[in-house]
PDB file of N, CA and C in Angstrom:
ATOM      1  N   UNK A   1       1.118  -1.265  -0.038  1.00  0.00           N
ATOM      2  CA  UNK A   1      -0.341   0.003   0.043  1.00  0.00           C
ATOM      3  C   UNK A   1       1.115   1.703   0.188  1.00  0.00           C
ATOM      4  N   UNK A   2       2.053   1.163   0.693  1.00  0.00           N
ATOM      5  CA  UNK A   2       2.786   2.234   0.957  1.00  0.00           C
ATOM      6  C   UNK A   2       3.453   2.632  -0.507  1.00  0.00           C
ATOM      7  N   UNK A   3       3.460   1.482  -1.352  1.00  0.00           N
ATOM      8  CA  UNK A   3       4.341   1.550  -2.805  1.00  0.00           C
ATOM      9  C   UNK A   3       3.255   2.528  -3.458  1.00  0.00           C
ATOM     10  N   UNK A   4       2.294   1.947  -3.643  1.00  0.00           N
ATOM     11  CA  UNK A   4       0.951   2.903  -4.494  1.00  0.00           C
ATOM     12  C   UNK A   4       0.912   4.388  -4.039  1.00  0.00           C
ATOM     13  N   UNK A   5       1.330   4.360  -2.923  1.00  0.00           N
ATOM     14  CA  UNK A   5       0.936   5.752  -1.752  1.00  0.00           C
ATOM     15  C   UNK A   5       2.168   6.740  -2.914  1.00  0.00           C
ATOM     16  N   UNK A   6       3.166   6.098  -2.708  1.00  0.00           N
ATOM     17  CA  UNK A   6       4.604   7.021  -3.381  1.00  0.00           C
ATOM     18  C   UNK A   6       4.499   6.929  -4.762  1.00  0.00           C
ATOM     19  N   UNK A   7       4.037   5.965  -5.425  1.00  0.00           N
ATOM     20  CA  UNK A   7       3.708   6.066  -6.630  1.00  0.00           C
ATOM     21  C   UNK A   7       2.901   7.539  -7.117  1.00  0.00           C
ATOM     22  N   UNK A   8       1.612   7.387  -6.548  1.00  0.00           N
ATOM     23  CA  UNK A   8       0.734   8.472  -6.840  1.00  0.00           C
ATOM     24  C   UNK A   8       0.898   9.615  -6.438  1.00  0.00           C
ATOM     25  N   UNK A   9       1.791   9.909  -5.398  1.00  0.00           N
ATOM     26  CA  UNK A   9       2.114  11.213  -5.054  1.00  0.00           C
ATOM     27  C   UNK A   9       3.134  11.715  -5.991  1.00  0.00           C
ATOM     28  N   UNK A  10       4.328  10.517  -6.305  1.00  0.00           N
ATOM     29  CA  UNK A  10       4.980  11.098  -7.673  1.00  0.00           C
ATOM     30  C   UNK A  10       4.389  11.467  -8.838  1.00  0.00           C
ATOM     31  N   UNK A  11       3.228  10.891  -9.055  1.00  0.00           N
ATOM     32  CA  UNK A  11       2.404  11.302 -10.170  1.00  0.00           C
ATOM     33  C   UNK A  11       1.771  12.786 -10.321  1.00  0.00           C
ATOM     34  N   UNK A  12       1.189  13.006  -8.769  1.00  0.00           N
ATOM     35  CA  UNK A  12       0.847  14.401  -8.650  1.00  0.00           C
ATOM     36  C   UNK A  12       1.867  15.437  -8.549  1.00  0.00           C
ATOM     37  N   UNK A  13       3.110  15.053  -7.865  1.00  0.00           N
ATOM     38  CA  UNK A  13       3.808  15.888  -7.909  1.00  0.00           C
ATOM     39  C   UNK A  13       4.829  16.279  -9.196  1.00  0.00           C
ATOM     40  N   UNK A  14       4.881  15.281  -9.821  1.00  0.00           N
ATOM     41  CA  UNK A  14       5.600  15.752 -11.396  1.00  0.00           C
ATOM     42  C   UNK A  14       4.548  16.004 -12.631  1.00  0.00           C
ATOM     43  N   UNK A  15       3.162  15.680 -12.516  1.00  0.00           N
ATOM     44  CA  UNK A  15       1.986  16.855 -13.084  1.00  0.00           C
ATOM     45  C   UNK A  15       2.090  18.202 -12.561  1.00  0.00           C
ATOM     46  N   UNK A  16       2.304  18.355 -11.030  1.00  0.00           N
ATOM     47  CA  UNK A  16       2.020  19.588 -11.217  1.00  0.00           C
ATOM     48  C   UNK A  16       3.420  20.258 -11.139  1.00  0.00           C
ATOM     49  N   UNK A  17       4.703  19.804 -11.169  1.00  0.00           N
ATOM     50  CA  UNK A  17       5.705  20.344 -11.873  1.00  0.00           C
ATOM     51  C   UNK A  17       6.060  21.011 -13.414  1.00  0.00           C
ATOM     52  N   UNK A  18       5.394  19.761 -14.225  1.00  0.00           N
ATOM     53  CA  UNK A  18       5.231  20.488 -15.032  1.00  0.00           C
ATOM     54  C   UNK A  18       4.353  21.500 -15.332  1.00  0.00           C
ATOM     55  N   UNK A  19       3.275  21.423 -14.791  1.00  0.00           N
ATOM     56  CA  UNK A  19       1.823  22.536 -14.767  1.00  0.00           C
ATOM     57  C   UNK A  19       2.920  23.817 -14.591  1.00  0.00           C
ATOM     58  N   UNK A  20       3.585  23.880 -13.516  1.00  0.00           N
ATOM     59  CA  UNK A  20       4.241  24.940 -12.903  1.00  0.00           C
ATOM     60  C   UNK A  20       5.488  25.444 -13.956  1.00  0.00           C
ATOM     61  N   UNK A  21       5.460  24.899 -15.010  1.00  0.00           N
ATOM     62  CA  UNK A  21       6.855  25.091 -15.984  1.00  0.00           C
ATOM     63  C   UNK A  21       5.962  25.533 -17.397  1.00  0.00           C
ATOM     64  N   UNK A  22       4.738  25.284 -17.197  1.00  0.00           N
ATOM     65  CA  UNK A  22       3.903  26.292 -18.113  1.00  0.00           C
ATOM     66  C   UNK A  22       3.324  25.033 -19.295  1.00  0.00           C
ATOM     67  N   UNK A  23       3.253  23.816 -18.595  1.00  0.00           N
ATOM     68  CA  UNK A  23       2.244  23.046 -19.489  1.00  0.00           C
ATOM     69  C   UNK A  23       0.880  23.274 -18.754  1.00  0.00           C
ATOM     70  N   UNK A  24       0.082  22.795 -19.754  1.00  0.00           N
ATOM     71  CA  UNK A  24      -1.337  22.953 -19.726  1.00  0.00           C
ATOM     72  C   UNK A  24      -1.611  21.345 -19.478  1.00  0.00           C
ATOM     73  N   UNK A  25      -2.859  21.027 -18.525  1.00  0.00           N
ATOM     74  CA  UNK A  25      -3.220  19.953 -17.899  1.00  0.00           C
ATOM     75  C   UNK A  25      -3.388  19.085 -19.025  1.00  0.00           C
ATOM     76  N   UNK A  26      -3.844  19.451 -20.511  1.00  0.00           N
ATOM     77  CA  UNK A  26      -4.711  18.595 -21.280  1.00  0.00           C
ATOM     78  C   UNK A  26      -3.121  18.097 -22.131  1.00  0.00           C
ATOM     79  N   UNK A  27      -1.689  18.719 -21.965  1.00  0.00           N
ATOM     80  CA  UNK A  27      -0.678  18.471 -22.575  1.00  0.00           C
ATOM     81  C   UNK A  27       0.653  17.715 -21.008  1.00  0.00           C
ATOM     82  N   UNK A  28      -0.077  17.353 -20.607  1.00  0.00           N
ATOM     83  CA  UNK A  28       1.039  16.707 -19.712  1.00  0.00           C
ATOM     84  C   UNK A  28       1.363  15.243 -19.895  1.00  0.00           C
ATOM     85  N   UNK A  29       2.966  15.518 -19.789  1.00  0.00           N
ATOM     86  CA  UNK A  29       3.332  14.044 -20.486  1.00  0.00           C
ATOM     87  C   UNK A  29       3.335  13.124 -19.051  1.00  0.00           C
ATOM     88  N   UNK A  30       2.326  11.962 -18.858  1.00  0.00           N
ATOM     89  CA  UNK A  30       2.264  11.316 -17.733  1.00  0.00           C
ATOM     90  C   UNK A  30       3.446  10.284 -17.744  1.00  0.00           C
ATOM     91  N   UNK A  31       4.074   9.815 -18.106  1.00  0.00           N
ATOM     92  CA  UNK A  31       5.248   9.099 -18.052  1.00  0.00           C
ATOM     93  C   UNK A  31       6.370   9.831 -17.465  1.00  0.00           C
ATOM     94  N   UNK A  32       6.789  11.425 -18.454  1.00  0.00           N
ATOM     95  CA  UNK A  32       7.629  11.952 -17.671  1.00  0.00           C
ATOM     96  C   UNK A  32       7.386  12.239 -16.335  1.00  0.00           C
ATOM     97  N   UNK A  33       5.913  12.518 -15.846  1.00  0.00           N
ATOM     98  CA  UNK A  33       5.509  13.339 -14.651  1.00  0.00           C
ATOM     99  C   UNK A  33       5.701  12.233 -13.633  1.00  0.00           C
ATOM    100  N   UNK A  34       5.599  10.594 -13.525  1.00  0.00           N
ATOM    101  CA  UNK A  34       5.661   9.939 -13.069  1.00  0.00           C
ATOM    102  C   UNK A  34       7.337   9.644 -12.493  1.00  0.00           C
ATOM    103  N   UNK A  35       8.390   9.775 -13.650  1.00  0.00           N
ATOM    104  CA  UNK A  35       9.814   9.616 -13.556  1.00  0.00           C
ATOM    105  C   UNK A  35      10.494  11.041 -12.775  1.00  0.00           C
ATOM    106  N   UNK A  36       9.731  12.059 -13.198  1.00  0.00           N
ATOM    107  CA  UNK A  36      10.219  13.232 -12.361  1.00  0.00           C
ATOM    108  C   UNK A  36       9.487  13.150 -11.192  1.00  0.00           C
ATOM    109  N   UNK A  37       8.447  12.732 -10.505  1.00  0.00           N
ATOM    110  CA  UNK A  37       7.872  12.836  -9.565  1.00  0.00           C
ATOM    111  C   UNK A  37       8.412  12.311  -8.575  1.00  0.00           C
ATOM    112  N   UNK A  38       9.117  10.902  -8.812  1.00  0.00           N
ATOM    113  CA  UNK A  38       9.802   9.742  -7.880  1.00  0.00           C
ATOM    114  C   UNK A  38      11.109  10.084  -7.938  1.00  0.00           C
ATOM    115  N   UNK A  39      11.865  10.748  -9.459  1.00  0.00           N
ATOM    116  CA  UNK A  39      13.259  11.161  -8.906  1.00  0.00           C
ATOM    117  C   UNK A  39      13.230  12.163  -8.258  1.00  0.00           C
ATOM    118  N   UNK A  40      12.607  13.351  -8.439  1.00  0.00           N
ATOM    119  CA  UNK A  40      12.314  14.549  -8.123  1.00  0.00           C
ATOM    120  C   UNK A  40      12.161  14.503  -6.099  1.00  0.00           C
ATOM    121  N   UNK A  41      11.291  13.487  -5.842  1.00  0.00           N
ATOM    122  CA  UNK A  41      10.785  13.355  -4.311  1.00  0.00           C
ATOM    123  C   UNK A  41      12.246  12.767  -3.862  1.00  0.00           C
ATOM    124  N   UNK A  42      12.440  11.741  -4.681  1.00  0.00           N
ATOM    125  CA  UNK A  42      13.444  10.998  -3.909  1.00  0.00           C
ATOM    126  C   UNK A  42      14.985  12.297  -3.339  1.00  0.00           C
ATOM    127  N   UNK A  43      15.273  12.674  -4.491  1.00  0.00           N
ATOM    128  CA  UNK A  43      16.399  13.742  -4.465  1.00  0.00           C
ATOM    129  C   UNK A  43      15.756  14.869  -3.313  1.00  0.00           C
ATOM    130  N   UNK A  44      15.013  15.510  -3.688  1.00  0.00           N
ATOM    131  CA  UNK A  44      14.641  16.944  -3.243  1.00  0.00           C
ATOM    132  C   UNK A  44      13.566  16.853  -1.864  1.00  0.00           C
ATOM    133  N   UNK A  45      12.991  16.036  -1.635  1.00  0.00           N
ATOM    134  CA  UNK A  45      12.509  15.389  -0.554  1.00  0.00           C
ATOM    135  C   UNK A  45      13.572  14.893   0.660  1.00  0.00           C
ATOM    136  N   UNK A  46      14.195  14.425   0.229  1.00  0.00           N
ATOM    137  CA  UNK A  46      15.508  13.801   1.356  1.00  0.00           C
ATOM    138  C   UNK A  46      16.121  14.915   1.575  1.00  0.00           C
ATOM    139  N   UNK A  47      16.941  15.874   0.387  1.00  0.00           N
ATOM    140  CA  UNK A  47      18.113  16.393   1.119  1.00  0.00           C
ATOM    141  C   UNK A  47      16.926  17.898   1.390  1.00  0.00           C
ATOM    142  N   UNK A  48      16.027  18.369   1.197  1.00  0.00           N
ATOM    143  CA  UNK A  48      15.187  19.132   2.187  1.00  0.00           C
ATOM    144  C   UNK A  48      14.757  18.928   3.140  1.00  0.00           C
ATOM    145  N   UNK A  49      14.567  17.349   3.637  1.00  0.00           N
ATOM    146  CA  UNK A  49      14.401  17.201   5.513  1.00  0.00           C
ATOM    147  C   UNK A  49      15.385  17.022   6.290  1.00  0.00           C
ATOM    148  N   UNK A  50      16.419  16.168   5.156  1.00  0.00           N
ATOM    149  CA  UNK A  50      17.756  16.162   6.081  1.00  0.00           C
ATOM    150  C   UNK A  50      18.553  17.722   6.265  1.00  0.00           C
ATOM    151  N   UNK A  51      18.195  18.604   5.530  1.00  0.00           N
ATOM    152  CA  UNK A  51      18.580  20.018   5.541  1.00  0.00           C
ATOM    153  C   UNK A  51      17.859  20.672   6.863  1.00  0.00           C
ATOM    154  N   UNK A  52      16.506  20.183   6.827  1.00  0.00           N
ATOM    155  CA  UNK A  52      15.735  21.038   8.103  1.00  0.00           C
ATOM    156  C   UNK A  52      15.895  20.024   9.076  1.00  0.00           C
ATOM    157  N   UNK A  53      16.678  18.971   9.085  1.00  0.00           N
ATOM    158  CA  UNK A  53      16.732  18.591  10.345  1.00  0.00           C
ATOM    159  C   UNK A  53      15.607  17.548  10.859  1.00  0.00           C
ATOM    160  N   UNK A  54      14.911  17.266   9.934  1.00  0.00           N
ATOM    161  CA  UNK A  54      13.683  15.987  10.319  1.00  0.00           C
ATOM    162  C   UNK A  54      13.832  14.980   9.952  1.00  0.00           C
ATOM    163  N   UNK A  55      14.977  14.385   9.513  1.00  0.00           N
ATOM    164  CA  UNK A  55      15.349  13.005   8.983  1.00  0.00           C
ATOM    165  C   UNK A  55      14.331  12.272   7.720  1.00  0.00           C
ATOM    166  N   UNK A  56      13.869  11.403   8.352  1.00  0.00           N
ATOM    167  CA  UNK A  56      12.965  10.821   7.265  1.00  0.00           C
ATOM    168  C   UNK A  56      11.547  10.650   7.471  1.00  0.00           C
ATOM    169  N   UNK A  57      11.239  11.650   8.797  1.00  0.00           N
ATOM    170  CA  UNK A  57       9.959  11.803   8.781  1.00  0.00           C
ATOM    171  C   UNK A  57       9.090  12.612   7.562  1.00  0.00           C
ATOM    172  N   UNK A  58       7.766  12.313   7.866  1.00  0.00           N
ATOM    173  CA  UNK A  58       7.008  13.589   6.584  1.00  0.00           C
ATOM    174  C   UNK A  58       6.828  14.844   7.061  1.00  0.00           C
ATOM    175  N   UNK A  59       7.467  16.000   6.614  1.00  0.00           N
ATOM    176  CA  UNK A  59       7.503  17.143   7.000  1.00  0.00           C
ATOM    177  C   UNK A  59       7.021  18.130   5.742  1.00  0.00           C
ATOM    178  N   UNK A  60       6.402  19.026   5.849  1.00  0.00           N
ATOM    179  CA  UNK A  60       6.283  20.391   4.924  1.00  0.00           C
ATOM    180  C   UNK A  60       7.312  20.550   4.214  1.00  0.00           C
ATOM    181  N   UNK A  61       8.648  20.286   4.902  1.00  0.00           N
ATOM    182  CA  UNK A  61      10.517  20.818   4.030  1.00  0.00           C
ATOM    183  C   UNK A  61      10.229  19.666   2.891  1.00  0.00           C
ATOM    184  N   UNK A  62      10.158  18.357   3.349  1.00  0.00           N
ATOM    185  CA  UNK A  62      10.263  17.375   2.316  1.00  0.00           C
ATOM    186  C   UNK A  62       9.325  17.059   1.381  1.00  0.00           C
ATOM    187  N   UNK A  63       7.896  17.733   1.671  1.00  0.00           N
ATOM    188  CA  UNK A  63       7.180  18.045   0.496  1.00  0.00           C
ATOM    189  C   UNK A  63       7.311  18.945  -0.648  1.00  0.00           C
ATOM    190  N   UNK A  64       7.642  19.905   0.091  1.00  0.00           N
ATOM    191  CA  UNK A  64       8.149  21.491  -1.013  1.00  0.00           C
ATOM    192  C   UNK A  64       9.233  20.742  -1.327  1.00  0.00           C
ATOM    193  N   UNK A  65      10.760  20.464  -0.733  1.00  0.00           N
ATOM    194  CA  UNK A  65      11.940  19.892  -1.372  1.00  0.00           C
ATOM    195  C   UNK A  65      11.179  18.607  -2.783  1.00  0.00           C
ATOM    196  N   UNK A  66      10.349  17.635  -2.345  1.00  0.00           N
ATOM    197  CA  UNK A  66       9.964  17.069  -3.244  1.00  0.00           C
ATOM    198  C   UNK A  66       9.410  17.769  -4.482  1.00  0.00           C
ATOM    199  N   UNK A  67       8.708  18.733  -4.029  1.00  0.00           N
ATOM    200  CA  UNK A  67       8.409  19.826  -5.560  1.00  0.00           C
ATOM    201  C   UNK A  67       8.933  20.171  -6.177  1.00  0.00           C
ATOM    202  N   UNK A  68      10.176  20.581  -5.463  1.00  0.00           N
ATOM    203  CA  UNK A  68      11.409  21.397  -6.244  1.00  0.00           C
ATOM    204  C   UNK A  68      12.085  20.334  -6.867  1.00  0.00           C
ATOM    205  N   UNK A  69      12.398  19.690  -6.213  1.00  0.00           N
ATOM    206  CA  UNK A  69      13.075  18.166  -6.999  1.00  0.00           C
ATOM    207  C   UNK A  69      12.662  17.841  -8.181  1.00  0.00           C
ATOM    208  N   UNK A  70      11.189  17.967  -8.360  1.00  0.00           N
ATOM    209  CA  UNK A  70      10.549  17.425  -9.536  1.00  0.00           C
ATOM    210  C   UNK A  70      10.699  18.540 -10.302  1.00  0.00           C
ATOM    211  N   UNK A  71      10.658  19.845 -10.335  1.00  0.00           N
ATOM    212  CA  UNK A  71      11.025  21.285 -10.992  1.00  0.00           C
ATOM    213  C   UNK A  71      11.942  20.966 -11.688  1.00  0.00           C
ATOM    214  N   UNK A  72      13.169  20.712 -10.760  1.00  0.00           N
ATOM    215  CA  UNK A  72      14.476  20.429 -11.442  1.00  0.00           C
ATOM    216  C   UNK A  72      14.728  19.333 -12.282  1.00  0.00           C
ATOM    217  N   UNK A  73      14.138  18.213 -12.020  1.00  0.00           N
ATOM    218  CA  UNK A  73      14.157  17.014 -12.747  1.00  0.00           C
ATOM    219  C   UNK A  73      13.442  17.558 -14.057  1.00  0.00           C
ATOM    220  N   UNK A  74      12.465  18.060 -14.123  1.00  0.00           N
ATOM    221  CA  UNK A  74      11.363  18.150 -15.141  1.00  0.00           C
ATOM    222  C   UNK A  74      12.422  19.135 -16.210  1.00  0.00           C
ATOM    223  N   UNK A  75      12.695  20.379 -15.669  1.00  0.00           N
ATOM    224  CA  UNK A  75      13.246  21.154 -16.531  1.00  0.00           C
ATOM    225  C   UNK A  75      14.441  20.758 -17.192  1.00  0.00           C
ATOM    226  N   UNK A  76      15.571  19.925 -16.212  1.00  0.00           N
ATOM    227  CA  UNK A  76      16.392  19.028 -17.352  1.00  0.00           C
ATOM    228  C   UNK A  76      16.252  18.521 -18.027  1.00  0.00           C
ATOM    229  N   UNK A  77      15.078  17.522 -18.000  1.00  0.00           N
ATOM    230  CA  UNK A  77      14.632  16.912 -18.989  1.00  0.00           C
ATOM    231  C   UNK A  77      14.029  17.359 -20.245  1.00  0.00           C
ATOM    232  N   UNK A  78      13.681  18.510 -20.218  1.00  0.00           N
ATOM    233  CA  UNK A  78      12.781  19.710 -21.111  1.00  0.00           C
ATOM    234  C   UNK A  78      14.408  20.219 -21.928  1.00  0.00           C
ATOM    235  N   UNK A  79      15.176  20.482 -21.154  1.00  0.00           N
ATOM    236  CA  UNK A  79      16.634  20.712 -21.779  1.00  0.00           C
ATOM    237  C   UNK A  79      17.042  19.943 -22.748  1.00  0.00           C
ATOM    238  N   UNK A  80      17.731  18.573 -22.192  1.00  0.00           N
ATOM    239  CA  UNK A  80      18.185  17.792 -22.856  1.00  0.00           C
ATOM    240  C   UNK A  80      17.272  17.184 -24.058  1.00  0.00           C
ATOM    241  N   UNK A  81      16.019  16.985 -23.419  1.00  0.00           N
ATOM    242  CA  UNK A  81      15.202  16.526 -24.977  1.00  0.00           C
ATOM    243  C   UNK A  81      15.380  17.561 -26.198  1.00  0.00           C
ATOM    244  N   UNK A  82      15.289  18.988 -25.841  1.00  0.00           N
ATOM    245  CA  UNK A  82      15.645  19.820 -26.701  1.00  0.00           C
ATOM    246  C   UNK A  82      16.985  20.114 -27.902  1.00  0.00           C
ATOM    247  N   UNK A  83      17.899  19.548 -26.793  1.00  0.00           N
ATOM    248  CA  UNK A  83      19.230  19.672 -26.882  1.00  0.00           C
ATOM    249  C   UNK A  83      19.255  18.597 -28.153  1.00  0.00           C
ATOM    250  N   UNK A  84      18.713  17.531 -27.741  1.00  0.00           N
ATOM    251  CA  UNK A  84      18.774  16.121 -28.852  1.00  0.00           C
ATOM    252  C   UNK A  84      17.988  16.183 -29.859  1.00  0.00           C
ATOM    253  N   UNK A  85      17.190  17.254 -29.890  1.00  0.00           N
ATOM    254  CA  UNK A  85      16.504  17.380 -31.629  1.00  0.00           C
ATOM    255  C   UNK A  85      16.928  18.617 -31.999  1.00  0.00           C
TER     256      UNK A  85
END
């Protein structure tokens, strides 16, 4: 059940990150949303929680870090895909 919750949270964070970077809801790439949400949550959420001193507990700093991490991953993916094309 926890794994399902993590995947759903990753999808939501990844989709919100794409919308924050200017995509409309209809054009969200859900494959990228899953990847960016999970990777961004792992990196950003963990770093923000550890910097704030909360460890691995669920706090607002980890949620904000997850969102910021997903934005960074989404922006990096967009830059790399544009560069290749």
